[in-house]
Every structure is written in structure tokens, then in C-alpha cells.
C-alpha atoms as a PDB file:
ATOM      1  CA  UNK A   1      -1.098 -36.371 -12.871  1.00  0.00           C
ATOM      2  CA  UNK A   2      -2.176 -33.352 -10.888  1.00  0.00           C
ATOM      3  CA  UNK A   3      -5.903 -32.802 -10.732  1.00  0.00           C
ATOM      4  CA  UNK A   4      -6.752 -36.067 -12.479  1.00  0.00           C
ATOM      5  CA  UNK A   5      -7.939 -39.352 -11.091  1.00  0.00           C
ATOM      6  CA  UNK A   6      -6.091 -42.460 -12.211  1.00  0.00           C
ATOM      7  CA  UNK A   7      -8.364 -45.375 -12.886  1.00  0.00           C
ATOM      8  CA  UNK A   8      -7.295 -48.634 -14.401  1.00  0.00           C
ATOM      9  CA  UNK A   9      -9.410 -50.073 -17.167  1.00  0.00           C
ATOM     10  CA  UNK A  10     -12.349 -51.941 -15.696  1.00  0.00           C
ATOM     11  CA  UNK A  11     -11.825 -50.687 -12.145  1.00  0.00           C
ATOM     12  CA  UNK A  12     -15.070 -49.787 -10.362  1.00  0.00           C
ATOM     13  CA  UNK A  13     -15.694 -46.077  -9.937  1.00  0.00           C
ATOM     14  CA  UNK A  14     -15.436 -46.337  -6.150  1.00  0.00           C
ATOM     15  CA  UNK A  15     -11.830 -47.473  -6.393  1.00  0.00           C
ATOM     16  CA  UNK A  16     -10.939 -44.331  -8.326  1.00  0.00           C
ATOM     17  CA  UNK A  17     -12.837 -42.179  -5.841  1.00  0.00           C
ATOM     18  CA  UNK A  18     -10.937 -43.581  -2.864  1.00  0.00           C
ATOM     19  CA  UNK A  19      -7.578 -43.185  -4.601  1.00  0.00           C
ATOM     20  CA  UNK A  20      -8.303 -39.792  -6.135  1.00  0.00           C
ATOM     21  CA  UNK A  21      -4.883 -38.340  -5.411  1.00  0.00           C
ATOM     22  CA  UNK A  22      -6.265 -35.334  -3.515  1.00  0.00           C
ATOM     23  CA  UNK A  23      -3.235 -33.955  -1.657  1.00  0.00           C
ATOM     24  CA  UNK A  24      -4.874 -30.982   0.077  1.00  0.00           C
ATOM     25  CA  UNK A  25      -5.195 -31.973   3.773  1.00  0.00           C
ATOM     26  CA  UNK A  26      -8.082 -29.566   4.340  1.00  0.00           C
ATOM     27  CA  UNK A  27     -10.116 -31.361   1.651  1.00  0.00           C
ATOM     28  CA  UNK A  28      -8.973 -34.923   2.348  1.00  0.00           C
ATOM     29  CA  UNK A  29     -11.135 -37.318   4.324  1.00  0.00           C
ATOM     30  CA  UNK A  30      -9.689 -38.587   7.588  1.00  0.00           C
ATOM     31  CA  UNK A  31      -7.573 -41.728   7.502  1.00  0.00           C
ATOM     32  CA  UNK A  32     -10.254 -43.642   9.379  1.00  0.00           C
ATOM     33  CA  UNK A  33     -12.869 -42.296   6.961  1.00  0.00           C
ATOM     34  CA  UNK A  34     -10.863 -43.561   3.988  1.00  0.00           C
ATOM     35  CA  UNK A  35     -10.479 -46.956   5.657  1.00  0.00           C
ATOM     36  CA  UNK A  36     -14.215 -47.138   6.301  1.00  0.00           C
ATOM     37  CA  UNK A  37     -14.931 -46.206   2.673  1.00  0.00           C
ATOM     38  CA  UNK A  38     -12.479 -48.825   1.455  1.00  0.00           C
ATOM     39  CA  UNK A  39     -13.973 -51.530   3.699  1.00  0.00           C
ATOM     40  CA  UNK A  40     -17.460 -50.671   2.458  1.00  0.00           C
ATOM     41  CA  UNK A  41     -16.278 -50.774  -1.142  1.00  0.00           C
ATOM     42  CA  UNK A  42     -14.480 -54.114  -0.681  1.00  0.00           C
ATOM     43  CA  UNK A  43     -17.586 -55.637   0.925  1.00  0.00           C
ATOM     44  CA  UNK A  44     -19.727 -54.376  -1.950  1.00  0.00           C
ATOM     45  CA  UNK A  45     -17.344 -55.671  -4.624  1.00  0.00           C
ATOM     46  CA  UNK A  46     -16.859 -59.039  -2.949  1.00  0.00           C
ATOM     47  CA  UNK A  47     -20.577 -59.389  -2.240  1.00  0.00           C
ATOM     48  CA  UNK A  48     -21.570 -58.748  -5.840  1.00  0.00           C
ATOM     49  CA  UNK A  49     -18.888 -60.979  -7.340  1.00  0.00           C
ATOM     50  CA  UNK A  50     -17.182 -58.125  -9.207  1.00  0.00           C
ATOM     51  CA  UNK A  51     -14.331 -59.155 -11.491  1.00  0.00           C
ATOM     52  CA  UNK A  52     -11.823 -56.795  -9.914  1.00  0.00           C
ATOM     53  CA  UNK A  53      -9.638 -55.726  -8.358  1.00  0.00           C
ATOM     54  CA  UNK A  54      -7.418 -58.805  -8.404  1.00  0.00           C
ATOM     55  CA  UNK A  55      -5.711 -57.919  -5.113  1.00  0.00           C
ATOM     56  CA  UNK A  56      -7.391 -56.264  -2.140  1.00  0.00           C
ATOM     57  CA  UNK A  57      -5.408 -54.210   0.341  1.00  0.00           C
ATOM     58  CA  UNK A  58      -6.969 -54.847   3.733  1.00  0.00           C
ATOM     59  CA  UNK A  59      -6.481 -53.612   7.280  1.00  0.00           C
ATOM     60  CA  UNK A  60      -5.254 -56.099   9.876  1.00  0.00           C
ATOM     61  CA  UNK A  61      -8.696 -56.344  11.517  1.00  0.00           C
ATOM     62  CA  UNK A  62     -10.630 -56.955   8.305  1.00  0.00           C
ATOM     63  CA  UNK A  63     -10.057 -60.707   7.760  1.00  0.00           C
ATOM     64  CA  UNK A  64     -12.707 -61.460  10.385  1.00  0.00           C
ATOM     65  CA  UNK A  65     -15.092 -58.932   8.842  1.00  0.00           C
ATOM     66  CA  UNK A  66     -14.562 -60.140   5.273  1.00  0.00           C
ATOM     67  CA  UNK A  67     -14.158 -63.887   5.926  1.00  0.00           C
ATOM     68  CA  UNK A  68     -17.540 -64.786   4.425  1.00  0.00           C
ATOM     69  CA  UNK A  69     -16.200 -63.738   1.018  1.00  0.00           C
ATOM     70  CA  UNK A  70     -12.944 -65.703   1.142  1.00  0.00           C
ATOM     71  CA  UNK A  71     -12.099 -69.344   0.563  1.00  0.00           C
ATOM     72  CA  UNK A  72      -9.767 -71.496   2.624  1.00  0.00           C
ATOM     73  CA  UNK A  73      -6.467 -71.768   0.750  1.00  0.00           C
ATOM     74  CA  UNK A  74      -4.900 -74.277   3.153  1.00  0.00           C
ATOM     75  CA  UNK A  75      -5.721 -77.277   0.940  1.00  0.00           C
ATOM     76  CA  UNK A  76      -3.786 -75.633  -1.881  1.00  0.00           C
ATOM     77  CA  UNK A  77      -0.914 -73.772  -0.214  1.00  0.00           C
ATOM     78  CA  UNK A  78      -0.638 -74.874   3.443  1.00  0.00           C
ATOM     79  CA  UNK A  79       3.050 -75.796   3.351  1.00  0.00           C
ATOM     80  CA  UNK A  80       4.166 -72.893   1.193  1.00  0.00           C
ATOM     81  CA  UNK A  81       2.451 -70.186   3.192  1.00  0.00           C
ATOM     82  CA  UNK A  82       3.318 -71.541   6.636  1.00  0.00           C
ATOM     83  CA  UNK A  83       7.007 -71.975   5.697  1.00  0.00           C
ATOM     84  CA  UNK A  84       7.507 -68.647   3.967  1.00  0.00           C
ATOM     85  CA  UNK A  85       5.294 -66.250   5.899  1.00  0.00           C
ATOM     86  CA  UNK A  86       4.412 -67.662   9.357  1.00  0.00           C
ATOM     87  CA  UNK A  87       3.589 -64.300  10.969  1.00  0.00           C
ATOM     88  CA  UNK A  88       1.446 -63.166   8.049  1.00  0.00           C
ATOM     89  CA  UNK A  89      -0.266 -66.547   7.944  1.00  0.00           C
ATOM     90  CA  UNK A  90      -1.218 -66.285  11.622  1.00  0.00           C
ATOM     91  CA  UNK A  91      -2.418 -62.685  11.242  1.00  0.00           C
ATOM     92  CA  UNK A  92      -4.645 -63.369   8.267  1.00  0.00           C
ATOM     93  CA  UNK A  93      -6.095 -66.704   9.353  1.00  0.00           C
ATOM     94  CA  UNK A  94      -9.716 -66.721  10.474  1.00  0.00           C
ATOM     95  CA  UNK A  95     -10.926 -69.722  12.474  1.00  0.00           C
END
């Protein structure tokens, strides 16, 4: 798909812009710039109640930043998550 942006049906335009597939390093934003754009987009989508994406890829420091948009899943999956993924559970738990 050279030169074209892949965008799934119903995906917000910002998602396509962040994942544009630009492979030229001289024209690509910095890694930290892409992360900042993605965080801003995720906050916007979560804050407006957008219907997608279904799964958000987040940086390890973002759970504390985004916690106001999430619900506590412990009542539903406490045993399953703590048994299967203890390190991930600790890393993505916000007190």
C-alpha cells in the first residue's frame, strides 16, 4: 500500500493520520511526537465517547493520565487477570 493511508471503516480520521505509513525518516514525526499525538487523540476519543477503536494501544505511563475514562474491571475479572497476567495487572492498575 505505498503512498496510501489505511483506514478501517468507521475509524476516526486522526487514527489514519497517526498510522499513515510514511516511511521516509526525514518526513516522519519524532517517536515522542507520535506518542504525544496518539495520547491527545485517545483522550479526545475517550472524552467524547467515540465508538472506536475497540482496543487502545497505550504507553506504560498513560494509565494514570487516562484513568478518568476507564472503569474498574476488578469486580468482573479480578481472579482471571491476577492469575494469568500478574505483571501486566500491576503495571496497568491505577489506585
